[in-house]
């Protein structure tokens, strides 16, 4: 797992695991919401004063989405090649 988790007393581990599960679920929901929005709207919602501008965030979100699409398309193409070659 993690060095931090490993340093906990046995009675602390269930609470730690529960907290990590809750955080993971929160991140999943937040990313799903972000990804359901147009890039500019997601950037406006992500903006915090002193951080990257809305324009910079929009560019970053668009780049991340393009990279994710490319990876997904490549994995689909690799799966089609694997199936075509007969190795399952």
PDB file of N, CA and C in Angstrom:
ATOM      1  N   UNK A   1       0.840  -1.186   0.000  1.00  0.00           N
ATOM      2  CA  UNK A   1       0.000   0.000   0.000  1.00  0.00           C
ATOM      3  C   UNK A   1       0.883   1.248   0.000  1.00  0.00           C
ATOM      4  N   UNK A   2       0.959   1.897   1.159  1.00  0.00           N
ATOM      5  CA  UNK A   2       1.785   3.096   1.262  1.00  0.00           C
ATOM      6  C   UNK A   2       2.576   3.050   2.557  1.00  0.00           C
ATOM      7  N   UNK A   3       3.681   3.780   2.569  1.00  0.00           N
ATOM      8  CA  UNK A   3       4.496   3.820   3.782  1.00  0.00           C
ATOM      9  C   UNK A   3       3.694   4.441   4.926  1.00  0.00           C
ATOM     10  N   UNK A   4       2.874   5.441   4.610  1.00  0.00           N
ATOM     11  CA  UNK A   4       2.071   6.059   5.662  1.00  0.00           C
ATOM     12  C   UNK A   4       1.096   5.048   6.249  1.00  0.00           C
ATOM     13  N   UNK A   5       0.368   4.353   5.392  1.00  0.00           N
ATOM     14  CA  UNK A   5      -0.603   3.361   5.878  1.00  0.00           C
ATOM     15  C   UNK A   5       0.103   2.295   6.702  1.00  0.00           C
ATOM     16  N   UNK A   6       1.261   1.874   6.227  1.00  0.00           N
ATOM     17  CA  UNK A   6       2.010   0.845   6.939  1.00  0.00           C
ATOM     18  C   UNK A   6       2.484   1.311   8.312  1.00  0.00           C
ATOM     19  N   UNK A   7       2.572   2.637   8.505  1.00  0.00           N
ATOM     20  CA  UNK A   7       3.031   3.164   9.791  1.00  0.00           C
ATOM     21  C   UNK A   7       1.902   3.276  10.818  1.00  0.00           C
ATOM     22  N   UNK A   8       0.656   3.073  10.385  1.00  0.00           N
ATOM     23  CA  UNK A   8      -0.484   3.209  11.290  1.00  0.00           C
ATOM     24  C   UNK A   8      -0.587   2.022  12.235  1.00  0.00           C
ATOM     25  N   UNK A   9      -1.200   2.297  13.384  1.00  0.00           N
ATOM     26  CA  UNK A   9      -1.507   1.195  14.302  1.00  0.00           C
ATOM     27  C   UNK A   9      -2.635   0.370  13.677  1.00  0.00           C
ATOM     28  N   UNK A  10      -2.701  -0.909  13.962  1.00  0.00           N
ATOM     29  CA  UNK A  10      -3.724  -1.766  13.337  1.00  0.00           C
ATOM     30  C   UNK A  10      -5.147  -1.239  13.487  1.00  0.00           C
ATOM     31  N   UNK A  11      -5.474  -0.651  14.628  1.00  0.00           N
ATOM     32  CA  UNK A  11      -6.835  -0.152  14.824  1.00  0.00           C
ATOM     33  C   UNK A  11      -7.128   1.110  14.008  1.00  0.00           C
ATOM     34  N   UNK A  12      -6.094   1.768  13.474  1.00  0.00           N
ATOM     35  CA  UNK A  12      -6.286   2.967  12.668  1.00  0.00           C
ATOM     36  C   UNK A  12      -6.517   2.642  11.184  1.00  0.00           C
ATOM     37  N   UNK A  13      -6.100   1.478  10.769  1.00  0.00           N
ATOM     38  CA  UNK A  13      -6.136   1.134   9.346  1.00  0.00           C
ATOM     39  C   UNK A  13      -7.554   1.134   8.763  1.00  0.00           C
ATOM     40  N   UNK A  14      -8.556   0.580   9.432  1.00  0.00           N
ATOM     41  CA  UNK A  14      -9.898   0.624   8.840  1.00  0.00           C
ATOM     42  C   UNK A  14     -10.398   2.055   8.580  1.00  0.00           C
ATOM     43  N   UNK A  15     -10.151   2.969   9.521  1.00  0.00           N
ATOM     44  CA  UNK A  15     -10.580   4.360   9.322  1.00  0.00           C
ATOM     45  C   UNK A  15      -9.827   4.997   8.162  1.00  0.00           C
ATOM     46  N   UNK A  16      -8.536   4.719   8.071  1.00  0.00           N
ATOM     47  CA  UNK A  16      -7.728   5.237   6.966  1.00  0.00           C
ATOM     48  C   UNK A  16      -8.252   4.705   5.631  1.00  0.00           C
ATOM     49  N   UNK A  17      -8.488   3.411   5.552  1.00  0.00           N
ATOM     50  CA  UNK A  17      -8.985   2.815   4.312  1.00  0.00           C
ATOM     51  C   UNK A  17     -10.341   3.404   3.926  1.00  0.00           C
ATOM     52  N   UNK A  18     -11.203   3.595   4.922  1.00  0.00           N
ATOM     53  CA  UNK A  18     -12.519   4.180   4.648  1.00  0.00           C
ATOM     54  C   UNK A  18     -12.373   5.614   4.123  1.00  0.00           C
ATOM     55  N   UNK A  19     -11.482   6.381   4.709  1.00  0.00           N
ATOM     56  CA  UNK A  19     -11.256   7.753   4.256  1.00  0.00           C
ATOM     57  C   UNK A  19     -10.711   7.772   2.829  1.00  0.00           C
ATOM     58  N   UNK A  20      -9.786   6.882   2.522  1.00  0.00           N
ATOM     59  CA  UNK A  20      -9.219   6.832   1.170  1.00  0.00           C
ATOM     60  C   UNK A  20     -10.280   6.421   0.148  1.00  0.00           C
ATOM     61  N   UNK A  21     -11.150   5.488   0.509  1.00  0.00           N
ATOM     62  CA  UNK A  21     -12.245   5.101  -0.383  1.00  0.00           C
ATOM     63  C   UNK A  21     -13.170   6.277  -0.642  1.00  0.00           C
ATOM     64  N   UNK A  22     -13.467   7.054   0.403  1.00  0.00           N
ATOM     65  CA  UNK A  22     -14.344   8.217   0.251  1.00  0.00           C
ATOM     66  C   UNK A  22     -13.700   9.267  -0.650  1.00  0.00           C
ATOM     67  N   UNK A  23     -12.414   9.493  -0.478  1.00  0.00           N
ATOM     68  CA  UNK A  23     -11.700  10.457  -1.317  1.00  0.00           C
ATOM     69  C   UNK A  23     -11.698   9.989  -2.768  1.00  0.00           C
ATOM     70  N   UNK A  24     -11.453   8.720  -2.988  1.00  0.00           N
ATOM     71  CA  UNK A  24     -11.438   8.181  -4.353  1.00  0.00           C
ATOM     72  C   UNK A  24     -12.790   8.375  -5.019  1.00  0.00           C
ATOM     73  N   UNK A  25     -13.866   8.112  -4.293  1.00  0.00           N
ATOM     74  CA  UNK A  25     -15.211   8.295  -4.845  1.00  0.00           C
ATOM     75  C   UNK A  25     -15.467   9.762  -5.175  1.00  0.00           C
ATOM     76  N   UNK A  26     -15.018  10.652  -4.327  1.00  0.00           N
ATOM     77  CA  UNK A  26     -15.175  12.088  -4.571  1.00  0.00           C
ATOM     78  C   UNK A  26     -14.432  12.516  -5.832  1.00  0.00           C
ATOM     79  N   UNK A  27     -13.221  12.026  -5.992  1.00  0.00           N
ATOM     80  CA  UNK A  27     -12.426  12.363  -7.175  1.00  0.00           C
ATOM     81  C   UNK A  27     -13.099  11.825  -8.437  1.00  0.00           C
ATOM     82  N   UNK A  28     -13.613  10.607  -8.377  1.00  0.00           N
ATOM     83  CA  UNK A  28     -14.303  10.020  -9.530  1.00  0.00           C
ATOM     84  C   UNK A  28     -15.497  10.880  -9.933  1.00  0.00           C
ATOM     85  N   UNK A  29     -16.293  11.276  -8.947  1.00  0.00           N
ATOM     86  CA  UNK A  29     -17.472  12.106  -9.250  1.00  0.00           C
ATOM     87  C   UNK A  29     -17.078  13.476  -9.786  1.00  0.00           C
ATOM     88  N   UNK A  30     -16.059  14.082  -9.185  1.00  0.00           N
ATOM     89  CA  UNK A  30     -15.615  15.409  -9.638  1.00  0.00           C
ATOM     90  C   UNK A  30     -15.093  15.346 -11.065  1.00  0.00           C
ATOM     91  N   UNK A  31     -14.321  14.324 -11.382  1.00  0.00           N
ATOM     92  CA  UNK A  31     -13.794  14.196 -12.747  1.00  0.00           C
ATOM     93  C   UNK A  31     -14.905  13.918 -13.743  1.00  0.00           C
ATOM     94  N   UNK A  32     -15.881  13.104 -13.351  1.00  0.00           N
ATOM     95  CA  UNK A  32     -17.010  12.826 -14.246  1.00  0.00           C
ATOM     96  C   UNK A  32     -17.777  14.116 -14.530  1.00  0.00           C
ATOM     97  N   UNK A  33     -17.989  14.929 -13.490  1.00  0.00           N
ATOM     98  CA  UNK A  33     -18.681  16.207 -13.693  1.00  0.00           C
ATOM     99  C   UNK A  33     -17.868  17.104 -14.600  1.00  0.00           C
ATOM    100  N   UNK A  34     -16.580  17.260 -14.304  1.00  0.00           N
ATOM    101  CA  UNK A  34     -15.710  18.104 -15.123  1.00  0.00           C
ATOM    102  C   UNK A  34     -15.732  17.647 -16.570  1.00  0.00           C
ATOM    103  N   UNK A  35     -15.636  16.349 -16.774  1.00  0.00           N
ATOM    104  CA  UNK A  35     -15.554  15.827 -18.133  1.00  0.00           C
ATOM    105  C   UNK A  35     -16.876  15.915 -18.876  1.00  0.00           C
ATOM    106  N   UNK A  36     -17.969  16.143 -18.160  1.00  0.00           N
ATOM    107  CA  UNK A  36     -19.268  16.279 -18.825  1.00  0.00           C
ATOM    108  C   UNK A  36     -19.514  17.706 -19.307  1.00  0.00           C
ATOM    109  N   UNK A  37     -18.654  18.629 -18.912  1.00  0.00           N
ATOM    110  CA  UNK A  37     -18.832  20.040 -19.265  1.00  0.00           C
ATOM    111  C   UNK A  37     -17.997  20.407 -20.480  1.00  0.00           C
ATOM    112  N   UNK A  38     -18.425  21.420 -21.243  1.00  0.00           N
ATOM    113  CA  UNK A  38     -17.535  21.963 -22.274  1.00  0.00           C
ATOM    114  C   UNK A  38     -16.253  22.464 -21.608  1.00  0.00           C
ATOM    115  N   UNK A  39     -15.142  22.423 -22.315  1.00  0.00           N
ATOM    116  CA  UNK A  39     -13.844  22.773 -21.739  1.00  0.00           C
ATOM    117  C   UNK A  39     -13.846  24.169 -21.121  1.00  0.00           C
ATOM    118  N   UNK A  40     -14.459  25.144 -21.782  1.00  0.00           N
ATOM    119  CA  UNK A  40     -14.432  26.503 -21.240  1.00  0.00           C
ATOM    120  C   UNK A  40     -15.240  26.612 -19.949  1.00  0.00           C
ATOM    121  N   UNK A  41     -16.345  25.910 -19.863  1.00  0.00           N
ATOM    122  CA  UNK A  41     -17.139  25.940 -18.632  1.00  0.00           C
ATOM    123  C   UNK A  41     -16.411  25.214 -17.500  1.00  0.00           C
ATOM    124  N   UNK A  42     -15.795  24.091 -17.819  1.00  0.00           N
ATOM    125  CA  UNK A  42     -15.012  23.369 -16.810  1.00  0.00           C
ATOM    126  C   UNK A  42     -13.874  24.252 -16.307  1.00  0.00           C
ATOM    127  N   UNK A  43     -13.255  24.996 -17.206  1.00  0.00           N
ATOM    128  CA  UNK A  43     -12.163  25.894 -16.817  1.00  0.00           C
ATOM    129  C   UNK A  43     -12.676  27.011 -15.910  1.00  0.00           C
ATOM    130  N   UNK A  44     -13.829  27.575 -16.232  1.00  0.00           N
ATOM    131  CA  UNK A  44     -14.394  28.631 -15.383  1.00  0.00           C
ATOM    132  C   UNK A  44     -14.678  28.095 -13.978  1.00  0.00           C
ATOM    133  N   UNK A  45     -15.190  26.870 -13.901  1.00  0.00           N
ATOM    134  CA  UNK A  45     -15.486  26.289 -12.590  1.00  0.00           C
ATOM    135  C   UNK A  45     -14.215  25.923 -11.827  1.00  0.00           C
ATOM    136  N   UNK A  46     -13.143  25.618 -12.540  1.00  0.00           N
ATOM    137  CA  UNK A  46     -11.889  25.231 -11.896  1.00  0.00           C
ATOM    138  C   UNK A  46     -11.042  26.432 -11.496  1.00  0.00           C
ATOM    139  N   UNK A  47     -11.334  27.574 -12.069  1.00  0.00           N
ATOM    140  CA  UNK A  47     -10.509  28.765 -11.834  1.00  0.00           C
ATOM    141  C   UNK A  47     -10.513  29.187 -10.370  1.00  0.00           C
ATOM    142  N   UNK A  48      -9.314  29.502  -9.864  1.00  0.00           N
ATOM    143  CA  UNK A  48      -9.167  30.125  -8.548  1.00  0.00           C
ATOM    144  C   UNK A  48      -8.216  31.306  -8.713  1.00  0.00           C
ATOM    145  N   UNK A  49      -8.545  32.433  -8.090  1.00  0.00           N
ATOM    146  CA  UNK A  49      -7.674  33.607  -8.198  1.00  0.00           C
ATOM    147  C   UNK A  49      -6.237  33.266  -7.795  1.00  0.00           C
ATOM    148  N   UNK A  50      -5.309  33.756  -8.569  1.00  0.00           N
ATOM    149  CA  UNK A  50      -3.900  33.501  -8.303  1.00  0.00           C
ATOM    150  C   UNK A  50      -3.365  32.267  -9.006  1.00  0.00           C
ATOM    151  N   UNK A  51      -4.271  31.461  -9.561  1.00  0.00           N
ATOM    152  CA  UNK A  51      -3.859  30.263 -10.290  1.00  0.00           C
ATOM    153  C   UNK A  51      -3.823  30.540 -11.784  1.00  0.00           C
ATOM    154  N   UNK A  52      -3.763  29.479 -12.577  1.00  0.00           N
ATOM    155  CA  UNK A  52      -3.785  29.662 -14.033  1.00  0.00           C
ATOM    156  C   UNK A  52      -5.064  30.378 -14.461  1.00  0.00           C
ATOM    157  N   UNK A  53      -4.959  31.125 -15.547  1.00  0.00           N
ATOM    158  CA  UNK A  53      -6.119  31.851 -16.067  1.00  0.00           C
ATOM    159  C   UNK A  53      -7.136  30.868 -16.633  1.00  0.00           C
ATOM    160  N   UNK A  54      -8.351  31.353 -16.846  1.00  0.00           N
ATOM    161  CA  UNK A  54      -9.394  30.518 -17.455  1.00  0.00           C
ATOM    162  C   UNK A  54      -8.923  30.042 -18.826  1.00  0.00           C
ATOM    163  N   UNK A  55      -8.271  30.934 -19.573  1.00  0.00           N
ATOM    164  CA  UNK A  55      -7.772  30.546 -20.896  1.00  0.00           C
ATOM    165  C   UNK A  55      -6.732  29.439 -20.800  1.00  0.00           C
ATOM    166  N   UNK A  56      -5.819  29.564 -19.825  1.00  0.00           N
ATOM    167  CA  UNK A  56      -4.803  28.522 -19.640  1.00  0.00           C
ATOM    168  C   UNK A  56      -5.452  27.205 -19.222  1.00  0.00           C
ATOM    169  N   UNK A  57      -6.424  27.277 -18.338  1.00  0.00           N
ATOM    170  CA  UNK A  57      -7.122  26.071 -17.906  1.00  0.00           C
ATOM    171  C   UNK A  57      -7.876  25.423 -19.061  1.00  0.00           C
ATOM    172  N   UNK A  58      -8.518  26.241 -19.886  1.00  0.00           N
ATOM    173  CA  UNK A  58      -9.233  25.710 -21.049  1.00  0.00           C
ATOM    174  C   UNK A  58      -8.275  24.958 -21.960  1.00  0.00           C
ATOM    175  N   UNK A  59      -7.118  25.553 -22.233  1.00  0.00           N
ATOM    176  CA  UNK A  59      -6.111  24.907 -23.081  1.00  0.00           C
ATOM    177  C   UNK A  59      -5.645  23.601 -22.458  1.00  0.00           C
ATOM    178  N   UNK A  60      -5.401  23.611 -21.159  1.00  0.00           N
ATOM    179  CA  UNK A  60      -4.951  22.399 -20.464  1.00  0.00           C
ATOM    180  C   UNK A  60      -6.006  21.303 -20.524  1.00  0.00           C
ATOM    181  N   UNK A  61      -7.251  21.666 -20.267  1.00  0.00           N
ATOM    182  CA  UNK A  61      -8.336  20.683 -20.307  1.00  0.00           C
ATOM    183  C   UNK A  61      -8.481  20.109 -21.705  1.00  0.00           C
ATOM    184  N   UNK A  62      -8.432  20.968 -22.715  1.00  0.00           N
ATOM    185  CA  UNK A  62      -8.537  20.475 -24.100  1.00  0.00           C
ATOM    186  C   UNK A  62      -7.389  19.545 -24.442  1.00  0.00           C
ATOM    187  N   UNK A  63      -6.168  19.885 -23.983  1.00  0.00           N
ATOM    188  CA  UNK A  63      -5.015  19.021 -24.253  1.00  0.00           C
ATOM    189  C   UNK A  63      -5.174  17.682 -23.544  1.00  0.00           C
ATOM    190  N   UNK A  64      -5.588  17.707 -22.279  1.00  0.00           N
ATOM    191  CA  UNK A  64      -5.792  16.449 -21.545  1.00  0.00           C
ATOM    192  C   UNK A  64      -6.843  15.580 -22.218  1.00  0.00           C
ATOM    193  N   UNK A  65      -7.924  16.203 -22.671  1.00  0.00           N
ATOM    194  CA  UNK A  65      -8.975  15.437 -23.344  1.00  0.00           C
ATOM    195  C   UNK A  65      -8.479  14.846 -24.655  1.00  0.00           C
ATOM    196  N   UNK A  66      -7.693  15.604 -25.402  1.00  0.00           N
ATOM    197  CA  UNK A  66      -7.151  15.087 -26.664  1.00  0.00           C
ATOM    198  C   UNK A  66      -6.196  13.920 -26.399  1.00  0.00           C
ATOM    199  N   UNK A  67      -5.374  14.052 -25.369  1.00  0.00           N
ATOM    200  CA  UNK A  67      -4.453  12.964 -25.021  1.00  0.00           C
ATOM    201  C   UNK A  67      -5.217  11.719 -24.590  1.00  0.00           C
ATOM    202  N   UNK A  68      -6.256  11.899 -23.806  1.00  0.00           N
ATOM    203  CA  UNK A  68      -7.057  10.754 -23.354  1.00  0.00           C
ATOM    204  C   UNK A  68      -7.740  10.083 -24.533  1.00  0.00           C
ATOM    205  N   UNK A  69      -8.273  10.897 -25.458  1.00  0.00           N
ATOM    206  CA  UNK A  69      -8.918  10.336 -26.660  1.00  0.00           C
ATOM    207  C   UNK A  69      -7.917   9.536 -27.479  1.00  0.00           C
ATOM    208  N   UNK A  70      -6.723  10.087 -27.655  1.00  0.00           N
ATOM    209  CA  UNK A  70      -5.698   9.403 -28.442  1.00  0.00           C
ATOM    210  C   UNK A  70      -5.300   8.083 -27.792  1.00  0.00           C
ATOM    211  N   UNK A  71      -5.156   8.074 -26.476  1.00  0.00           N
ATOM    212  CA  UNK A  71      -4.805   6.836 -25.778  1.00  0.00           C
ATOM    213  C   UNK A  71      -5.923   5.810 -25.911  1.00  0.00           C
ATOM    214  N   UNK A  72      -7.163   6.255 -25.785  1.00  0.00           N
ATOM    215  CA  UNK A  72      -8.306   5.352 -25.904  1.00  0.00           C
ATOM    216  C   UNK A  72      -8.370   4.781 -27.315  1.00  0.00           C
ATOM    217  N   UNK A  73      -8.199   5.631 -28.313  1.00  0.00           N
ATOM    218  CA  UNK A  73      -8.246   5.162 -29.702  1.00  0.00           C
ATOM    219  C   UNK A  73      -7.110   4.195 -29.994  1.00  0.00           C
ATOM    220  N   UNK A  74      -5.925   4.463 -29.452  1.00  0.00           N
ATOM    221  CA  UNK A  74      -4.803   3.553 -29.651  1.00  0.00           C
ATOM    222  C   UNK A  74      -5.066   2.213 -28.984  1.00  0.00           C
ATOM    223  N   UNK A  75      -5.662   2.219 -27.795  1.00  0.00           N
ATOM    224  CA  UNK A  75      -5.942   0.938 -27.130  1.00  0.00           C
ATOM    225  C   UNK A  75      -6.981   0.147 -27.917  1.00  0.00           C
ATOM    226  N   UNK A  76      -7.957   0.833 -28.502  1.00  0.00           N
ATOM    227  CA  UNK A  76      -8.947   0.144 -29.338  1.00  0.00           C
ATOM    228  C   UNK A  76      -8.281  -0.440 -30.583  1.00  0.00           C
ATOM    229  N   UNK A  77      -7.388   0.337 -31.201  1.00  0.00           N
ATOM    230  CA  UNK A  77      -6.693  -0.151 -32.391  1.00  0.00           C
ATOM    231  C   UNK A  77      -5.814  -1.353 -32.048  1.00  0.00           C
ATOM    232  N   UNK A  78      -5.143  -1.297 -30.908  1.00  0.00           N
ATOM    233  CA  UNK A  78      -4.299  -2.418 -30.489  1.00  0.00           C
ATOM    234  C   UNK A  78      -5.150  -3.657 -30.245  1.00  0.00           C
ATOM    235  N   UNK A  79      -6.311  -3.476 -29.649  1.00  0.00           N
ATOM    236  CA  UNK A  79      -7.213  -4.610 -29.412  1.00  0.00           C
ATOM    237  C   UNK A  79      -7.689  -5.199 -30.736  1.00  0.00           C
ATOM    238  N   UNK A  80      -8.012  -4.344 -31.700  1.00  0.00           N
ATOM    239  CA  UNK A  80      -8.432  -4.855 -33.023  1.00  0.00           C
ATOM    240  C   UNK A  80      -7.299  -5.611 -33.688  1.00  0.00           C
ATOM    241  N   UNK A  81      -6.066  -5.096 -33.588  1.00  0.00           N
ATOM    242  CA  UNK A  81      -4.915  -5.793 -34.176  1.00  0.00           C
ATOM    243  C   UNK A  81      -4.700  -7.136 -33.495  1.00  0.00           C
ATOM    244  N   UNK A  82      -4.846  -7.158 -32.170  1.00  0.00           N
ATOM    245  CA  UNK A  82      -4.668  -8.408 -31.421  1.00  0.00           C
ATOM    246  C   UNK A  82      -5.688  -9.444 -31.858  1.00  0.00           C
ATOM    247  N   UNK A  83      -6.936  -9.007 -31.977  1.00  0.00           N
ATOM    248  CA  UNK A  83      -7.978  -9.941 -32.401  1.00  0.00           C
ATOM    249  C   UNK A  83      -7.779 -10.420 -33.828  1.00  0.00           C
ATOM    250  N   UNK A  84      -7.340  -9.515 -34.696  1.00  0.00           N
ATOM    251  CA  UNK A  84      -7.114  -9.870 -36.103  1.00  0.00           C
ATOM    252  C   UNK A  84      -5.968 -10.879 -36.242  1.00  0.00           C
ATOM    253  N   UNK A  85      -4.979 -10.780 -35.335  1.00  0.00           N
ATOM    254  CA  UNK A  85      -3.851 -11.697 -35.419  1.00  0.00           C
ATOM    255  C   UNK A  85      -4.163 -13.061 -34.825  1.00  0.00           C
ATOM    256  N   UNK A  86      -5.314 -13.151 -34.160  1.00  0.00           N
ATOM    257  CA  UNK A  86      -5.745 -14.439 -33.607  1.00  0.00           C
ATOM    258  C   UNK A  86      -5.202 -14.716 -32.227  1.00  0.00           C
ATOM    259  N   UNK A  87      -4.483 -13.779 -31.628  1.00  0.00           N
ATOM    260  CA  UNK A  87      -3.985 -14.018 -30.245  1.00  0.00           C
ATOM    261  C   UNK A  87      -4.928 -13.356 -29.270  1.00  0.00           C
ATOM    262  N   UNK A  88      -5.676 -14.195 -28.566  1.00  0.00           N
ATOM    263  CA  UNK A  88      -6.668 -13.705 -27.599  1.00  0.00           C
ATOM    264  C   UNK A  88      -6.155 -13.768 -26.257  1.00  0.00           C
TER     265      UNK A  88
END
